[in-house]
Amino acid sequence: MEKEKSQNKEDQNLKDENSELSTDKQTPEETVSKEEEEQLSPEDEIAKLKDKVARTFAEMENQRRRFEKEKDEAFEYGGFSFARETLNLLDNLERSKQTLESDETIKDKDTLKKLMEHIDIINKDMISIFKKNNIEPIKAINEKLDPNLHQAMMEVEDNTKDQGTIVQEIQKGFMMKDRLLRPSLVAVSKKKIEDKKNDQKNQENGGKEAKN
């Protein structure tokens, strides 16, 4: 039994030595073949470098265009927030005018007329300054309601106007070039219920006559 064990150990040692020798012989050849595979031809290397350079230039160009756009927008719309806040001055002038006109103590007096004249002058000057900075009021009265420009606050029965026509401007809206500074707050017309019923009857009768 001991002889068999020793013989097995010797056989195992011989196998290990042979395996080590085989790996030692294969390792240099395998590393050479791998290096040959990893090495690129000069043409491939040049093509790879050209691709990297092209990608880098494309990224730089995209960044340049983005910066140019941001710069232009900052130049054109840099005062957007300031302009929107300034509109409160116009609102306050209009409220002051309405309050003075409804004050019975100074109504129909020269003092009120002079105050109204001064308020109108200030209002016109502000509108003129806005126009010089490409800020224009939005047309509202008698215009068709445009959700992009107008915000309907209420409906008013008016049979003389098409439904959805602006009949009252509650707060004036403004545009800054092609951007909405703030929408116009408006009241739009609607037809009376009786007139709607009559219109429906007329349409139904017209349809029946057409069938006949």
C-alpha atoms as a PDB file:
ATOM      1  CA  MET A   1       0.000   0.000   0.000  1.00  0.00           C
ATOM      2  CA  GLU A   2       2.766   2.411   0.843  1.00  0.00           C
ATOM      3  CA  LYS A   3       4.495   1.612  -2.433  1.00  0.00           C
ATOM      4  CA  GLU A   4       1.324   2.375  -4.371  1.00  0.00           C
ATOM      5  CA  LYS A   5       0.890   5.704  -2.545  1.00  0.00           C
ATOM      6  CA  SER A   6       4.445   6.740  -3.248  1.00  0.00           C
ATOM      7  CA  GLN A   7       4.060   5.724  -6.860  1.00  0.00           C
ATOM      8  CA  ASN A   8       0.911   7.828  -7.195  1.00  0.00           C
ATOM      9  CA  LYS A   9       2.679  10.837  -5.704  1.00  0.00           C
ATOM     10  CA  GLU A  10       5.530  10.456  -8.150  1.00  0.00           C
ATOM     11  CA  ASP A  11       3.097  10.207 -11.056  1.00  0.00           C
ATOM     12  CA  GLN A  12       1.251  13.331  -9.858  1.00  0.00           C
ATOM     13  CA  ASN A  13       4.493  15.263  -9.514  1.00  0.00           C
ATOM     14  CA  LEU A  14       5.491  14.269 -13.051  1.00  0.00           C
ATOM     15  CA  LYS A  15       2.110  15.478 -14.376  1.00  0.00           C
ATOM     16  CA  ASP A  16       2.487  18.819 -12.605  1.00  0.00           C
ATOM     17  CA  GLU A  17       5.980  19.304 -13.972  1.00  0.00           C
ATOM     18  CA  ASN A  18       4.833  18.490 -17.502  1.00  0.00           C
ATOM     19  CA  SER A  19       1.915  20.891 -17.238  1.00  0.00           C
ATOM     20  CA  GLU A  20       4.181  23.678 -16.004  1.00  0.00           C
ATOM     21  CA  LEU A  21       6.594  23.019 -18.858  1.00  0.00           C
ATOM     22  CA  SER A  22       3.758  23.082 -21.390  1.00  0.00           C
ATOM     23  CA  THR A  23       2.388  26.360 -20.074  1.00  0.00           C
ATOM     24  CA  ASP A  24       5.867  27.868 -20.047  1.00  0.00           C
ATOM     25  CA  LYS A  25       6.322  26.882 -23.661  1.00  0.00           C
ATOM     26  CA  GLN A  26       2.878  28.194 -24.750  1.00  0.00           C
ATOM     27  CA  THR A  27       2.895  31.497 -22.888  1.00  0.00           C
ATOM     28  CA  PRO A  28       5.457  33.367 -25.077  1.00  0.00           C
ATOM     29  CA  GLU A  29       3.747  32.206 -28.283  1.00  0.00           C
ATOM     30  CA  GLU A  30       0.287  33.196 -27.038  1.00  0.00           C
ATOM     31  CA  THR A  31       1.465  36.619 -25.888  1.00  0.00           C
ATOM     32  CA  VAL A  32       3.106  37.257 -29.266  1.00  0.00           C
ATOM     33  CA  SER A  33      -0.052  36.270 -31.129  1.00  0.00           C
ATOM     34  CA  LYS A  34      -2.163  38.523 -28.873  1.00  0.00           C
ATOM     35  CA  GLU A  35       0.174  41.446 -29.421  1.00  0.00           C
ATOM     36  CA  GLU A  36       0.006  40.871 -33.165  1.00  0.00           C
ATOM     37  CA  GLU A  37      -3.799  40.870 -32.984  1.00  0.00           C
ATOM     38  CA  GLU A  38      -3.893  44.031 -30.878  1.00  0.00           C
ATOM     39  CA  GLN A  39      -1.497  45.911 -33.144  1.00  0.00           C
ATOM     40  CA  LEU A  40      -3.330  47.987 -35.796  1.00  0.00           C
ATOM     41  CA  SER A  41      -2.062  48.720 -39.247  1.00  0.00           C
ATOM     42  CA  PRO A  42      -0.961  52.331 -39.882  1.00  0.00           C
ATOM     43  CA  GLU A  43      -4.028  52.907 -42.072  1.00  0.00           C
ATOM     44  CA  ASP A  44      -6.378  51.675 -39.342  1.00  0.00           C
ATOM     45  CA  GLU A  45      -4.598  53.792 -36.745  1.00  0.00           C
ATOM     46  CA  ILE A  46      -4.922  56.905 -38.937  1.00  0.00           C
ATOM     47  CA  ALA A  47      -8.612  56.194 -39.557  1.00  0.00           C
ATOM     48  CA  LYS A  48      -9.172  55.777 -35.819  1.00  0.00           C
ATOM     49  CA  LEU A  49      -7.448  59.078 -35.057  1.00  0.00           C
ATOM     50  CA  LYS A  50      -9.418  60.853 -37.800  1.00  0.00           C
ATOM     51  CA  ASP A  51     -12.668  59.579 -36.286  1.00  0.00           C
ATOM     52  CA  LYS A  52     -11.697  60.871 -32.837  1.00  0.00           C
ATOM     53  CA  VAL A  53     -10.739  64.269 -34.247  1.00  0.00           C
ATOM     54  CA  ALA A  54     -14.005  64.492 -36.220  1.00  0.00           C
ATOM     55  CA  ARG A  55     -16.051  63.663 -33.113  1.00  0.00           C
ATOM     56  CA  THR A  56     -14.164  66.248 -31.065  1.00  0.00           C
ATOM     57  CA  PHE A  57     -14.734  68.958 -33.667  1.00  0.00           C
ATOM     58  CA  ALA A  58     -18.443  68.049 -33.889  1.00  0.00           C
ATOM     59  CA  GLU A  59     -18.843  68.392 -30.110  1.00  0.00           C
ATOM     60  CA  MET A  60     -17.007  71.728 -30.150  1.00  0.00           C
ATOM     61  CA  GLU A  61     -19.247  72.995 -32.961  1.00  0.00           C
ATOM     62  CA  ASN A  62     -22.414  71.965 -31.110  1.00  0.00           C
ATOM     63  CA  GLN A  63     -21.199  73.755 -27.987  1.00  0.00           C
ATOM     64  CA  ARG A  64     -20.373  76.876 -30.002  1.00  0.00           C
ATOM     65  CA  ARG A  65     -23.837  76.965 -31.577  1.00  0.00           C
ATOM     66  CA  ARG A  66     -25.491  76.443 -28.193  1.00  0.00           C
ATOM     67  CA  PHE A  67     -23.486  79.278 -26.645  1.00  0.00           C
ATOM     68  CA  GLU A  68     -24.311  81.555 -29.594  1.00  0.00           C
ATOM     69  CA  LYS A  69     -28.024  80.830 -29.202  1.00  0.00           C
ATOM     70  CA  GLU A  70     -27.928  81.467 -25.447  1.00  0.00           C
ATOM     71  CA  LYS A  71     -26.020  84.717 -26.016  1.00  0.00           C
ATOM     72  CA  ASP A  72     -28.532  85.940 -28.627  1.00  0.00           C
ATOM     73  CA  GLU A  73     -31.492  85.072 -26.400  1.00  0.00           C
ATOM     74  CA  ALA A  74     -29.878  86.807 -23.438  1.00  0.00           C
ATOM     75  CA  PHE A  75     -29.332  89.910 -25.575  1.00  0.00           C
ATOM     76  CA  GLU A  76     -32.848  89.955 -27.044  1.00  0.00           C
ATOM     77  CA  TYR A  77     -34.845  88.824 -24.023  1.00  0.00           C
ATOM     78  CA  GLY A  78     -32.548  89.764 -21.163  1.00  0.00           C
ATOM     79  CA  GLY A  79     -35.065  92.316 -19.866  1.00  0.00           C
ATOM     80  CA  PHE A  80     -38.050  89.966 -20.148  1.00  0.00           C
ATOM     81  CA  SER A  81     -38.658  89.607 -16.403  1.00  0.00           C
ATOM     82  CA  PHE A  82     -38.047  93.311 -15.803  1.00  0.00           C
ATOM     83  CA  ALA A  83     -40.495  94.272 -18.559  1.00  0.00           C
ATOM     84  CA  ARG A  84     -43.185  91.984 -17.150  1.00  0.00           C
ATOM     85  CA  GLU A  85     -42.792  93.519 -13.695  1.00  0.00           C
ATOM     86  CA  THR A  86     -42.920  97.024 -15.176  1.00  0.00           C
ATOM     87  CA  LEU A  87     -46.372  96.314 -16.590  1.00  0.00           C
ATOM     88  CA  ASN A  88     -47.654  96.645 -13.020  1.00  0.00           C
ATOM     89  CA  LEU A  89     -47.011 100.392 -13.301  1.00  0.00           C
ATOM     90  CA  LEU A  90     -49.409 100.618 -16.227  1.00  0.00           C
ATOM     91  CA  ASP A  91     -51.990  98.617 -14.273  1.00  0.00           C
ATOM     92  CA  ASN A  92     -51.655 100.937 -11.295  1.00  0.00           C
ATOM     93  CA  LEU A  93     -52.075 103.994 -13.505  1.00  0.00           C
ATOM     94  CA  GLU A  94     -55.234 102.529 -14.984  1.00  0.00           C
ATOM     95  CA  ARG A  95     -56.621 101.678 -11.534  1.00  0.00           C
ATOM     96  CA  SER A  96     -55.822 105.177 -10.287  1.00  0.00           C
ATOM     97  CA  LYS A  97     -57.630 106.643 -13.255  1.00  0.00           C
ATOM     98  CA  GLN A  98     -60.734 104.540 -12.613  1.00  0.00           C
ATOM     99  CA  THR A  99     -60.716 105.383  -8.907  1.00  0.00           C
ATOM    100  CA  LEU A 100     -60.477 109.127  -9.549  1.00  0.00           C
ATOM    101  CA  GLU A 101     -63.211 109.018 -12.179  1.00  0.00           C
ATOM    102  CA  SER A 102     -65.576 107.308  -9.741  1.00  0.00           C
ATOM    103  CA  ASP A 103     -64.822 109.728  -6.886  1.00  0.00           C
ATOM    104  CA  GLU A 104     -67.953 111.861  -6.445  1.00  0.00           C
ATOM    105  CA  THR A 105     -66.091 114.597  -4.527  1.00  0.00           C
ATOM    106  CA  ILE A 106     -63.999 115.630  -7.533  1.00  0.00           C
ATOM    107  CA  LYS A 107     -66.202 114.421 -10.351  1.00  0.00           C
ATOM    108  CA  ASP A 108     -66.809 116.982 -13.131  1.00  0.00           C
ATOM    109  CA  LYS A 109     -64.213 119.343 -11.687  1.00  0.00           C
ATOM    110  CA  ASP A 110     -61.177 120.924 -13.341  1.00  0.00           C
ATOM    111  CA  THR A 111     -58.888 119.213 -10.843  1.00  0.00           C
ATOM    112  CA  LEU A 112     -60.000 115.800 -12.077  1.00  0.00           C
ATOM    113  CA  LYS A 113     -59.528 116.803 -15.715  1.00  0.00           C
ATOM    114  CA  LYS A 114     -55.977 117.951 -15.058  1.00  0.00           C
ATOM    115  CA  LEU A 115     -55.174 114.748 -13.180  1.00  0.00           C
ATOM    116  CA  MET A 116     -56.575 112.678 -16.042  1.00  0.00           C
ATOM    117  CA  GLU A 117     -54.460 114.607 -18.537  1.00  0.00           C
ATOM    118  CA  HIS A 118     -51.281 113.969 -16.539  1.00  0.00           C
ATOM    119  CA  ILE A 119     -52.086 110.282 -16.113  1.00  0.00           C
ATOM    120  CA  ASP A 120     -52.725 109.936 -19.845  1.00  0.00           C
ATOM    121  CA  ILE A 121     -49.386 111.607 -20.624  1.00  0.00           C
ATOM    122  CA  ILE A 122     -47.513 109.221 -18.306  1.00  0.00           C
ATOM    123  CA  ASN A 123     -49.372 106.249 -19.785  1.00  0.00           C
ATOM    124  CA  LYS A 124     -48.510 107.283 -23.373  1.00  0.00           C
ATOM    125  CA  ASP A 125     -44.864 107.829 -22.461  1.00  0.00           C
ATOM    126  CA  MET A 126     -44.620 104.368 -20.955  1.00  0.00           C
ATOM    127  CA  ILE A 127     -46.276 102.779 -23.992  1.00  0.00           C
ATOM    128  CA  SER A 128     -43.807 104.662 -26.215  1.00  0.00           C
ATOM    129  CA  ILE A 129     -40.843 103.364 -24.182  1.00  0.00           C
ATOM    130  CA  PHE A 130     -42.198  99.832 -24.433  1.00  0.00           C
ATOM    131  CA  LYS A 131     -42.527 100.088 -28.221  1.00  0.00           C
ATOM    132  CA  LYS A 132     -38.918 101.256 -28.520  1.00  0.00           C
ATOM    133  CA  ASN A 133     -37.953  98.041 -26.731  1.00  0.00           C
ATOM    134  CA  ASN A 134     -40.129  95.847 -29.004  1.00  0.00           C
ATOM    135  CA  ILE A 135     -42.938  95.498 -26.463  1.00  0.00           C
ATOM    136  CA  GLU A 136     -46.346  95.865 -28.104  1.00  0.00           C
ATOM    137  CA  PRO A 137     -49.886  95.659 -26.694  1.00  0.00           C
ATOM    138  CA  ILE A 138     -52.032  92.759 -27.892  1.00  0.00           C
ATOM    139  CA  LYS A 139     -55.140  93.583 -29.906  1.00  0.00           C
ATOM    140  CA  ALA A 140     -58.233  92.422 -28.074  1.00  0.00           C
ATOM    141  CA  ILE A 141     -61.491  94.357 -28.559  1.00  0.00           C
ATOM    142  CA  ASN A 142     -63.617  92.912 -31.406  1.00  0.00           C
ATOM    143  CA  GLU A 143     -60.992  90.215 -32.026  1.00  0.00           C
ATOM    144  CA  LYS A 144     -61.775  86.502 -31.980  1.00  0.00           C
ATOM    145  CA  LEU A 145     -60.584  84.831 -28.769  1.00  0.00           C
ATOM    146  CA  ASP A 146     -57.101  83.372 -29.266  1.00  0.00           C
ATOM    147  CA  PRO A 147     -56.028  81.083 -26.373  1.00  0.00           C
ATOM    148  CA  ASN A 148     -52.384  81.844 -27.223  1.00  0.00           C
ATOM    149  CA  LEU A 149     -52.889  85.573 -26.627  1.00  0.00           C
ATOM    150  CA  HIS A 150     -56.081  86.011 -24.619  1.00  0.00           C
ATOM    151  CA  GLN A 151     -57.452  84.572 -21.391  1.00  0.00           C
ATOM    152  CA  ALA A 152     -61.241  84.603 -21.095  1.00  0.00           C
ATOM    153  CA  MET A 153     -62.362  85.630 -17.603  1.00  0.00           C
ATOM    154  CA  MET A 154     -66.108  85.931 -18.202  1.00  0.00           C
ATOM    155  CA  GLU A 155     -68.868  85.731 -20.812  1.00  0.00           C
ATOM    156  CA  VAL A 156     -71.208  88.554 -21.732  1.00  0.00           C
ATOM    157  CA  GLU A 157     -74.518  88.088 -23.545  1.00  0.00           C
ATOM    158  CA  ASP A 158     -74.331  90.027 -26.779  1.00  0.00           C
ATOM    159  CA  ASN A 159     -76.382  89.103 -29.834  1.00  0.00           C
ATOM    160  CA  THR A 160     -74.697  91.732 -32.000  1.00  0.00           C
ATOM    161  CA  LYS A 161     -71.372  89.837 -31.924  1.00  0.00           C
ATOM    162  CA  ASP A 162     -70.362  86.374 -33.017  1.00  0.00           C
ATOM    163  CA  GLN A 163     -69.909  83.996 -30.131  1.00  0.00           C
ATOM    164  CA  GLY A 164     -66.369  84.087 -28.763  1.00  0.00           C
ATOM    165  CA  THR A 165     -65.717  87.690 -29.815  1.00  0.00           C
ATOM    166  CA  ILE A 166     -63.883  89.851 -27.272  1.00  0.00           C
ATOM    167  CA  VAL A 167     -66.181  92.625 -26.070  1.00  0.00           C
ATOM    168  CA  GLN A 168     -64.265  93.852 -23.018  1.00  0.00           C
ATOM    169  CA  GLU A 169     -60.598  94.076 -22.034  1.00  0.00           C
ATOM    170  CA  ILE A 170     -60.131  93.608 -18.295  1.00  0.00           C
ATOM    171  CA  GLN A 171     -56.332  93.768 -18.383  1.00  0.00           C
ATOM    172  CA  LYS A 172     -54.189  94.637 -21.378  1.00  0.00           C
ATOM    173  CA  GLY A 173     -51.793  91.984 -22.644  1.00  0.00           C
ATOM    174  CA  PHE A 174     -48.369  92.511 -24.223  1.00  0.00           C
ATOM    175  CA  MET A 175     -45.911  90.769 -26.542  1.00  0.00           C
ATOM    176  CA  MET A 176     -42.116  91.125 -26.444  1.00  0.00           C
ATOM    177  CA  LYS A 177     -41.084  90.479 -30.048  1.00  0.00           C
ATOM    178  CA  ASP A 178     -42.416  86.977 -30.708  1.00  0.00           C
ATOM    179  CA  ARG A 179     -42.805  86.032 -27.037  1.00  0.00           C
ATOM    180  CA  LEU A 180     -45.903  86.439 -24.910  1.00  0.00           C
ATOM    181  CA  LEU A 181     -45.109  88.826 -22.071  1.00  0.00           C
ATOM    182  CA  ARG A 182     -48.540  88.340 -20.553  1.00  0.00           C
ATOM    183  CA  PRO A 183     -51.975  87.455 -21.994  1.00  0.00           C
ATOM    184  CA  SER A 184     -54.901  89.842 -22.242  1.00  0.00           C
ATOM    185  CA  LEU A 185     -57.623  89.221 -19.663  1.00  0.00           C
ATOM    186  CA  VAL A 186     -60.895  89.603 -21.530  1.00  0.00           C
ATOM    187  CA  ALA A 187     -64.639  89.069 -21.577  1.00  0.00           C
ATOM    188  CA  VAL A 188     -66.141  87.309 -24.592  1.00  0.00           C
ATOM    189  CA  SER A 189     -69.581  87.419 -26.100  1.00  0.00           C
ATOM    190  CA  LYS A 190     -72.160  84.656 -25.969  1.00  0.00           C
ATOM    191  CA  LYS A 191     -75.644  84.428 -27.396  1.00  0.00           C
ATOM    192  CA  LYS A 192     -78.751  84.399 -25.255  1.00  0.00           C
ATOM    193  CA  ILE A 193     -80.376  81.051 -24.568  1.00  0.00           C
ATOM    194  CA  GLU A 194     -83.560  82.006 -26.467  1.00  0.00           C
ATOM    195  CA  ASP A 195     -81.556  82.973 -29.523  1.00  0.00           C
ATOM    196  CA  LYS A 196     -79.635  79.696 -29.368  1.00  0.00           C
ATOM    197  CA  LYS A 197     -82.942  77.770 -29.335  1.00  0.00           C
ATOM    198  CA  ASN A 198     -84.195  79.802 -32.298  1.00  0.00           C
ATOM    199  CA  ASP A 199     -80.989  79.115 -34.200  1.00  0.00           C
ATOM    200  CA  GLN A 200     -81.327  75.392 -33.528  1.00  0.00           C
ATOM    201  CA  LYS A 201     -84.963  75.435 -34.718  1.00  0.00           C
ATOM    202  CA  ASN A 202     -84.001  77.322 -37.854  1.00  0.00           C
ATOM    203  CA  GLN A 203     -81.282  74.786 -38.559  1.00  0.00           C
ATOM    204  CA  GLU A 204     -83.669  71.875 -38.008  1.00  0.00           C
ATOM    205  CA  ASN A 205     -86.333  73.477 -40.233  1.00  0.00           C
ATOM    206  CA  GLY A 206     -83.759  74.196 -42.880  1.00  0.00           C
ATOM    207  CA  GLY A 207     -82.678  70.572 -42.797  1.00  0.00           C
ATOM    208  CA  LYS A 208     -86.240  69.324 -43.153  1.00  0.00           C
ATOM    209  CA  GLU A 209     -86.902  71.654 -46.114  1.00  0.00           C
ATOM    210  CA  ALA A 210     -83.756  70.479 -47.782  1.00  0.00           C
ATOM    211  CA  LYS A 211     -84.871  66.831 -47.416  1.00  0.00           C
ATOM    212  CA  ASN A 212     -88.312  67.643 -48.833  1.00  0.00           C
END
